[in-house]
Amino acid sequence: MKKLILFAFVLTGLPGIVRGATAGAWLSKLYQHYNDAERLYVRFEQKTLHTVFKKSETHRGEFWADEHRWRLALPNRVEVYDGAYLWVYRPSDKEVQKQKTARAEIPFRPKEVLDKLIKDFKGEVVRENARTVVLRLVPKARDSGNPPLLLSFHPRSYLIHTMSWEEAGDSVTVKFLRTARNLKISPKKFSFEIPAGVKVTDLTL
């Protein structure tokens, strides 16, 4: 992990505060919530700061986890996965590529991230009050290549405020603008319309 990432999830209908819980207990509670979530939809904004070059980039995206759909608006291209094909549009090249891709390549799966934290990290509660819990997590294996990270969230709603780490001079902030569970979305929302006048390269043949 070579980035600093900020996650903000909007979650509702959760159990009450677990006072005095350990870092592992908090992670288990968070994982349980996401494990119970179905048809998870997330809309987010990601900002990348390259500290050495003092350059920043911003891109936005959304994904519908259980239905394996996503859309990313990157600085130099747009990617849309419609459940069957990945469409990559580069406006500067006036070209669209149609590709096959693995369903597992969805940008982010909360359950898998939290599962990794439970298995590969250990930590401590560095702050706990009525509004915020902050966990400091470090990799169990020193040679794992994973940097320490901070995870903060609301203790009652389990709204995750931040998840952050830094490495190699890069800082990445991902803010989740909307998170919804059990959301029914038309598959057409993630369909890709080919712009007029661009070349289409079919890489599925």
Protein backbone atom coordinates (compact mmCIF):
# COMPACT_ATOMS: atom_id res chain seq x y z
CA MET A 1 0.00 0.00 0.00
CA LYS A 2 1.70 3.15 -1.20
CA LYS A 3 -1.02 5.64 -0.51
CA LEU A 4 -2.82 7.65 2.10
CA ILE A 5 -6.49 6.90 1.74
CA LEU A 6 -9.48 8.58 3.30
CA PHE A 7 -12.71 6.59 3.39
CA ALA A 8 -16.01 8.14 4.44
CA PHE A 9 -18.92 5.69 4.48
CA VAL A 10 -22.50 6.65 5.30
CA LEU A 11 -24.02 3.75 7.19
CA THR A 12 -27.28 3.48 9.10
CA GLY A 13 -29.24 1.14 11.35
CA LEU A 14 -26.31 -0.13 13.40
CA PRO A 15 -25.98 -1.34 17.01
CA GLY A 16 -24.91 0.88 19.90
CA ILE A 17 -21.48 1.87 21.12
CA VAL A 18 -19.13 -0.85 22.34
CA ARG A 19 -17.26 0.99 25.09
CA GLY A 20 -13.70 -0.07 25.84
CA ALA A 21 -13.44 -2.51 22.95
CA THR A 22 -10.03 -3.52 21.65
CA ALA A 23 -8.83 -2.66 18.15
CA GLY A 24 -9.51 -6.22 17.06
CA ALA A 25 -13.05 -6.10 18.44
CA TRP A 26 -13.77 -2.85 16.60
CA LEU A 27 -12.48 -4.29 13.33
CA SER A 28 -14.65 -7.36 13.82
CA LYS A 29 -17.72 -5.15 14.34
CA LEU A 30 -16.95 -3.19 11.18
CA TYR A 31 -16.38 -6.37 9.19
CA GLN A 32 -19.64 -7.87 10.45
CA HIS A 33 -21.54 -4.82 9.26
CA TYR A 34 -20.06 -4.92 5.77
CA ASN A 35 -20.43 -8.68 5.61
CA ASP A 36 -24.15 -8.24 6.24
CA ALA A 37 -24.47 -5.48 3.65
CA GLU A 38 -25.98 -6.50 0.32
CA ARG A 39 -26.08 -4.62 -2.97
CA LEU A 40 -23.55 -2.07 -1.71
CA TYR A 41 -23.28 1.13 -3.76
CA VAL A 42 -20.50 3.67 -3.24
CA ARG A 43 -19.73 6.99 -4.92
CA PHE A 44 -16.34 8.49 -4.18
CA GLU A 45 -13.72 11.10 -5.02
CA GLN A 46 -10.01 10.36 -4.95
CA LYS A 47 -7.24 12.94 -4.69
CA THR A 48 -3.62 11.93 -5.18
CA LEU A 49 -0.79 14.17 -4.00
CA HIS A 50 2.69 13.42 -5.27
CA THR A 51 4.70 15.11 -2.54
CA VAL A 52 8.06 15.04 -4.33
CA PHE A 53 6.74 16.65 -7.51
CA LYS A 54 4.15 18.77 -5.67
CA LYS A 55 1.53 17.63 -8.14
CA SER A 56 -2.03 16.56 -7.39
CA GLU A 57 -4.61 14.58 -9.34
CA THR A 58 -8.31 14.06 -8.76
CA HIS A 59 -10.65 11.46 -10.12
CA ARG A 60 -14.15 10.32 -9.29
CA GLY A 61 -15.95 7.06 -9.48
CA GLU A 62 -18.76 4.82 -8.32
CA PHE A 63 -19.30 1.12 -7.98
CA TRP A 64 -22.06 -1.35 -7.30
CA ALA A 65 -20.17 -4.12 -5.55
CA ASP A 66 -22.45 -7.16 -5.63
CA GLU A 67 -23.48 -6.50 -9.23
CA HIS A 68 -19.86 -6.04 -10.38
CA ARG A 69 -20.31 -2.66 -12.05
CA TRP A 70 -18.10 0.40 -11.83
CA ARG A 71 -17.32 3.73 -13.44
CA LEU A 72 -14.09 5.70 -12.99
CA ALA A 73 -13.29 9.17 -14.31
CA LEU A 74 -9.49 9.31 -14.24
CA PRO A 75 -7.30 12.29 -15.23
CA ASN A 76 -6.55 10.87 -18.70
CA ARG A 77 -9.29 8.33 -19.31
CA VAL A 78 -12.74 7.05 -18.37
CA GLU A 79 -13.33 3.42 -17.42
CA VAL A 80 -16.75 1.77 -17.30
CA TYR A 81 -17.37 -1.88 -16.49
CA ASP A 82 -20.89 -2.89 -17.49
CA GLY A 83 -20.78 -6.40 -16.06
CA ALA A 84 -19.56 -7.95 -19.28
CA TYR A 85 -16.91 -5.67 -20.77
CA LEU A 86 -14.53 -2.97 -19.63
CA TRP A 87 -14.71 0.17 -21.76
CA VAL A 88 -11.67 2.46 -21.65
CA TYR A 89 -12.07 5.87 -23.28
CA ARG A 90 -9.09 8.18 -23.81
CA PRO A 91 -10.37 11.55 -25.06
CA SER A 92 -6.90 12.76 -26.07
CA ASP A 93 -6.48 9.75 -28.37
CA LYS A 94 -10.10 9.81 -29.55
CA GLU A 95 -10.19 6.08 -28.94
CA VAL A 96 -12.37 3.62 -27.04
CA GLN A 97 -11.07 0.17 -26.14
CA LYS A 98 -13.45 -2.70 -25.45
CA GLN A 99 -11.81 -5.23 -23.13
CA LYS A 100 -12.59 -8.33 -21.15
CA THR A 101 -11.69 -8.17 -17.48
CA ALA A 102 -12.00 -10.23 -14.32
CA ARG A 103 -15.01 -9.56 -12.13
CA ALA A 104 -12.63 -9.47 -9.17
CA GLU A 105 -11.11 -6.24 -10.45
CA ILE A 106 -13.84 -4.07 -8.94
CA PRO A 107 -12.05 -1.04 -7.41
CA PHE A 108 -12.90 -1.59 -3.74
CA ARG A 109 -14.56 -4.23 -1.60
CA PRO A 110 -14.97 -3.12 2.04
CA LYS A 111 -15.32 -6.68 3.32
CA GLU A 112 -12.03 -7.74 1.74
CA VAL A 113 -10.17 -4.67 3.01
CA LEU A 114 -11.40 -5.18 6.58
CA ASP A 115 -10.69 -8.90 6.38
CA LYS A 116 -7.09 -8.11 5.42
CA LEU A 117 -6.77 -5.68 8.32
CA ILE A 118 -8.03 -8.32 10.77
CA LYS A 119 -5.69 -11.02 9.43
CA ASP A 120 -2.53 -9.03 8.71
CA PHE A 121 -2.58 -6.14 11.21
CA LYS A 122 -2.55 -5.62 14.96
CA GLY A 123 -3.30 -2.38 16.71
CA GLU A 124 -4.43 -0.24 19.57
CA VAL A 125 -7.21 2.22 20.31
CA VAL A 126 -5.59 5.66 20.43
CA ARG A 127 -8.79 7.65 20.89
CA GLU A 128 -12.33 6.77 21.92
CA ASN A 129 -15.13 9.19 22.67
CA ALA A 130 -18.81 9.65 21.81
CA ARG A 131 -18.02 10.81 18.28
CA THR A 132 -14.82 9.12 17.17
CA VAL A 133 -12.77 5.98 17.58
CA VAL A 134 -9.25 6.02 16.18
CA LEU A 135 -7.27 2.81 15.69
CA ARG A 136 -3.56 2.68 14.97
CA LEU A 137 -2.82 -0.49 13.03
CA VAL A 138 0.59 -1.97 12.24
CA PRO A 139 1.39 -5.06 10.15
CA LYS A 140 1.93 -8.25 12.12
CA ALA A 141 4.83 -9.20 9.84
CA ARG A 142 7.62 -6.62 9.74
CA ASP A 143 8.65 -7.67 6.24
CA SER A 144 5.12 -7.45 4.81
CA GLY A 145 5.80 -4.18 3.02
CA ASN A 146 2.62 -2.69 4.47
CA PRO A 147 3.01 0.64 6.31
CA PRO A 148 1.21 1.45 9.58
CA LEU A 149 -2.18 3.08 9.15
CA LEU A 150 -4.81 5.00 11.07
CA LEU A 151 -8.49 4.14 10.90
CA SER A 152 -11.13 6.43 12.42
CA PHE A 153 -14.89 5.94 12.50
CA HIS A 154 -18.04 6.83 14.44
CA PRO A 155 -18.57 4.40 17.34
CA ARG A 156 -22.36 4.26 17.08
CA SER A 157 -23.11 4.49 13.37
CA TYR A 158 -19.81 2.86 12.28
CA LEU A 159 -19.41 5.64 9.75
CA ILE A 160 -15.73 5.35 8.81
CA HIS A 161 -14.17 8.78 8.74
CA THR A 162 -10.62 8.09 7.61
CA MET A 163 -8.25 5.31 6.71
CA SER A 164 -4.80 6.69 6.02
CA TRP A 165 -1.24 5.73 5.27
CA GLU A 166 1.74 7.17 3.43
CA GLU A 167 4.66 5.70 1.54
CA ALA A 168 7.15 6.65 -1.18
CA GLY A 169 6.08 10.27 -1.15
CA ASP A 170 2.54 9.64 -2.39
CA SER A 171 -0.58 10.65 -0.49
CA VAL A 172 -3.97 9.55 -1.74
CA THR A 173 -7.25 10.72 -0.26
CA VAL A 174 -10.42 8.85 -1.16
CA LYS A 175 -13.60 10.42 0.14
CA PHE A 176 -16.75 8.36 -0.15
CA LEU A 177 -19.50 10.80 -1.02
CA ARG A 178 -22.34 8.30 -0.74
CA THR A 179 -22.70 4.77 0.56
CA ALA A 180 -25.97 2.85 0.37
CA ARG A 181 -26.99 -0.71 1.15
CA ASN A 182 -29.65 -2.83 -0.53
CA LEU A 183 -29.82 -0.30 -3.34
CA LYS A 184 -31.47 -1.36 -6.57
CA ILE A 185 -29.84 0.27 -9.58
CA SER A 186 -30.69 -0.17 -13.22
CA PRO A 187 -27.82 -1.90 -15.08
CA LYS A 188 -28.17 0.88 -17.65
CA LYS A 189 -26.61 3.24 -15.11
CA PHE A 190 -23.27 1.59 -15.82
CA SER A 191 -23.67 1.24 -19.58
CA PHE A 192 -21.15 3.03 -21.79
CA GLU A 193 -22.21 5.22 -24.68
CA ILE A 194 -19.53 5.49 -27.37
CA PRO A 195 -18.87 9.16 -28.18
CA ALA A 196 -19.38 10.21 -31.77
CA GLY A 197 -16.32 10.37 -33.97
CA VAL A 198 -14.00 8.17 -31.92
CA LYS A 199 -12.19 4.99 -32.94
CA VAL A 200 -13.37 1.75 -31.31
CA THR A 201 -10.73 -0.95 -30.77
CA ASP A 202 -12.23 -4.32 -29.86
CA LEU A 203 -9.69 -6.26 -27.80
CA THR A 204 -12.13 -9.07 -27.02
CA LEU A 205 -11.73 -10.73 -30.41
